[in-house]
Amino acid sequence: MTQAMEWVAYRGSPLYDEDGNVIGNIEELLVETDDGPPIWAVVVNEAAPARRSYVPMRGARRSEDGQGLQASVSGETVRDAPSTQHGDDLSGEQERQLYAHYGQTYPDQEAPEDSSSETGKPGLLQRLLGRDSR
């Protein structure tokens, strides 16, 4: 799946871990570049609705039931990953921690001097579609 519109169709759908267990429902998708495919899914689980988990979409595919997507990571790995509370965005430092947690290289970017991790300014990731664009 490389077309953004294919991915957008899965907003609100379940996201399964590598073993087919439900992680939660896809709330939104994040990209690194305006024209790139979704890199992360932001997932909300009904058991902890205030917690937003970030799941890498590298290697993701349609689930066997055709109703959602299946990620290539375990549910345990997702539970142990950096997360945010509902309404909060990842800081640049949290993004770096997220990439490291999943064993991915954080893409190099030239950041303005005032966007250090200490300021909490946003990093690389951006929404594929805004939160209110459903």
Protein backbone atom coordinates (compact mmCIF):
# COMPACT_ATOMS: atom_id res chain seq x y z
CA MET A 1 0.00 0.00 0.00
CA THR A 2 1.67 3.14 -1.14
CA GLN A 3 -1.14 5.49 -2.04
CA ALA A 4 -2.18 7.81 0.78
CA MET A 5 -5.86 7.38 -0.04
CA GLU A 6 -5.57 3.63 0.52
CA TRP A 7 -4.25 4.29 4.00
CA VAL A 8 -6.80 6.98 4.86
CA ALA A 9 -9.58 4.45 4.31
CA TYR A 10 -8.34 2.61 7.41
CA ARG A 11 -8.88 5.48 9.86
CA GLY A 12 -11.16 4.16 12.59
CA SER A 13 -10.32 0.56 11.66
CA PRO A 14 -8.56 -1.92 13.92
CA LEU A 15 -4.80 -2.28 13.89
CA TYR A 16 -3.51 -5.76 14.73
CA ASP A 17 -0.09 -6.75 16.00
CA GLU A 18 2.11 -9.28 14.22
CA ASP A 19 0.24 -12.15 15.91
CA GLY A 20 -3.22 -10.90 14.91
CA ASN A 21 -4.17 -9.42 18.31
CA VAL A 22 -5.97 -6.08 18.30
CA ILE A 23 -3.75 -3.19 19.39
CA GLY A 24 -6.52 -0.60 19.02
CA ASN A 25 -8.23 1.56 16.40
CA ILE A 26 -6.34 3.80 14.00
CA GLU A 27 -7.02 7.42 14.96
CA GLU A 28 -4.70 9.11 12.49
CA LEU A 29 -1.68 8.54 10.29
CA LEU A 30 1.63 10.41 10.35
CA VAL A 31 4.04 11.07 7.49
CA GLU A 32 7.62 12.34 7.29
CA THR A 33 7.14 14.24 4.03
CA ASP A 34 4.13 15.77 2.30
CA ASP A 35 4.33 13.31 -0.58
CA GLY A 36 5.43 10.22 1.34
CA PRO A 37 3.42 7.25 2.58
CA PRO A 38 2.23 7.04 6.19
CA ILE A 39 5.09 6.04 8.44
CA TRP A 40 3.21 5.77 11.75
CA ALA A 41 -0.32 5.00 12.85
CA VAL A 42 -1.64 6.68 15.98
CA VAL A 43 -3.73 4.07 17.76
CA VAL A 44 -6.25 4.32 20.59
CA ASN A 45 -7.28 1.29 22.63
CA GLU A 46 -10.71 1.25 24.28
CA ALA A 47 -9.15 -0.03 27.53
CA ALA A 48 -7.03 3.14 27.79
CA PRO A 49 -8.75 5.77 25.60
CA ALA A 50 -6.60 8.68 26.80
CA ARG A 51 -3.36 6.97 25.72
CA ARG A 52 -2.23 7.36 22.11
CA SER A 53 0.20 4.68 20.91
CA TYR A 54 2.45 5.06 17.87
CA VAL A 55 2.93 2.04 15.63
CA PRO A 56 5.33 1.90 12.67
CA MET A 57 3.64 1.16 9.34
CA ARG A 58 6.76 -0.27 7.70
CA GLY A 59 5.77 -3.77 6.65
CA ALA A 60 2.08 -3.24 7.48
CA ARG A 61 -0.49 -5.04 5.35
CA ARG A 62 -4.21 -5.61 5.19
CA SER A 63 -5.43 -7.86 7.97
CA GLU A 64 -6.72 -11.32 7.10
CA ASP A 65 -10.30 -10.25 7.85
CA GLY A 66 -9.92 -7.28 5.48
CA GLN A 67 -11.32 -4.93 8.13
CA GLY A 68 -8.07 -3.35 9.29
CA LEU A 69 -4.30 -3.41 9.05
CA GLN A 70 -1.73 -5.73 10.56
CA ALA A 71 1.54 -4.23 11.79
CA SER A 72 4.85 -6.06 11.81
CA VAL A 73 5.52 -5.50 15.53
CA SER A 74 4.30 -7.19 18.71
CA GLY A 75 1.66 -5.75 21.00
CA GLU A 76 4.19 -5.83 23.84
CA THR A 77 6.59 -3.67 21.84
CA VAL A 78 3.78 -1.16 21.23
CA ARG A 79 2.82 -1.10 24.93
CA ASP A 80 6.44 -0.36 25.89
CA ALA A 81 6.87 2.41 23.29
CA PRO A 82 6.71 6.15 24.01
CA SER A 83 3.13 7.38 23.91
CA THR A 84 1.15 10.58 24.44
CA GLN A 85 -2.11 11.52 26.07
CA HIS A 86 -5.16 12.45 24.00
CA GLY A 87 -4.71 15.92 22.49
CA ASP A 88 -0.91 15.98 22.91
CA ASP A 89 1.60 15.76 20.07
CA LEU A 90 5.03 14.17 20.16
CA SER A 91 7.93 16.51 20.82
CA GLY A 92 11.03 16.23 18.65
CA GLU A 93 12.80 14.31 21.42
CA GLN A 94 9.86 11.90 21.82
CA GLU A 95 9.98 11.27 18.06
CA ARG A 96 13.65 10.33 18.31
CA GLN A 97 12.87 8.01 21.23
CA LEU A 98 10.05 6.42 19.23
CA TYR A 99 12.29 5.68 16.25
CA ALA A 100 14.97 4.27 18.59
CA HIS A 101 12.43 2.09 20.45
CA TYR A 102 11.40 0.40 17.21
CA GLY A 103 15.02 0.11 15.99
CA GLN A 104 14.58 2.63 13.19
CA THR A 105 16.96 5.39 12.17
CA TYR A 106 15.59 8.87 12.75
CA PRO A 107 15.82 10.69 9.41
CA ASP A 108 18.37 13.48 9.33
CA GLN A 109 16.86 16.90 9.06
CA GLU A 110 18.22 20.36 9.29
CA ALA A 111 16.42 21.93 12.21
CA PRO A 112 16.47 25.61 13.09
CA GLU A 113 18.66 26.40 16.08
CA ASP A 114 15.64 27.20 18.24
CA SER A 115 14.00 23.78 17.73
CA SER A 116 16.12 21.79 20.16
CA SER A 117 14.59 18.89 22.04
CA GLU A 118 14.61 20.98 25.21
CA THR A 119 12.06 23.39 23.77
CA GLY A 120 9.56 20.63 23.08
CA LYS A 121 8.95 21.97 19.58
CA PRO A 122 7.58 19.53 17.02
CA GLY A 123 9.99 17.37 15.12
CA LEU A 124 9.74 15.67 11.78
CA LEU A 125 6.33 13.95 11.78
CA GLN A 126 3.15 15.54 10.49
CA ARG A 127 -0.44 14.39 10.12
CA LEU A 128 -1.49 12.86 6.82
CA LEU A 129 -4.83 14.59 7.34
CA GLY A 130 -5.75 16.93 10.19
CA ARG A 131 -7.62 15.59 13.19
CA ASP A 132 -10.87 17.26 12.11
CA SER A 133 -10.80 16.11 8.49
CA ARG A 134 -12.90 12.96 8.89
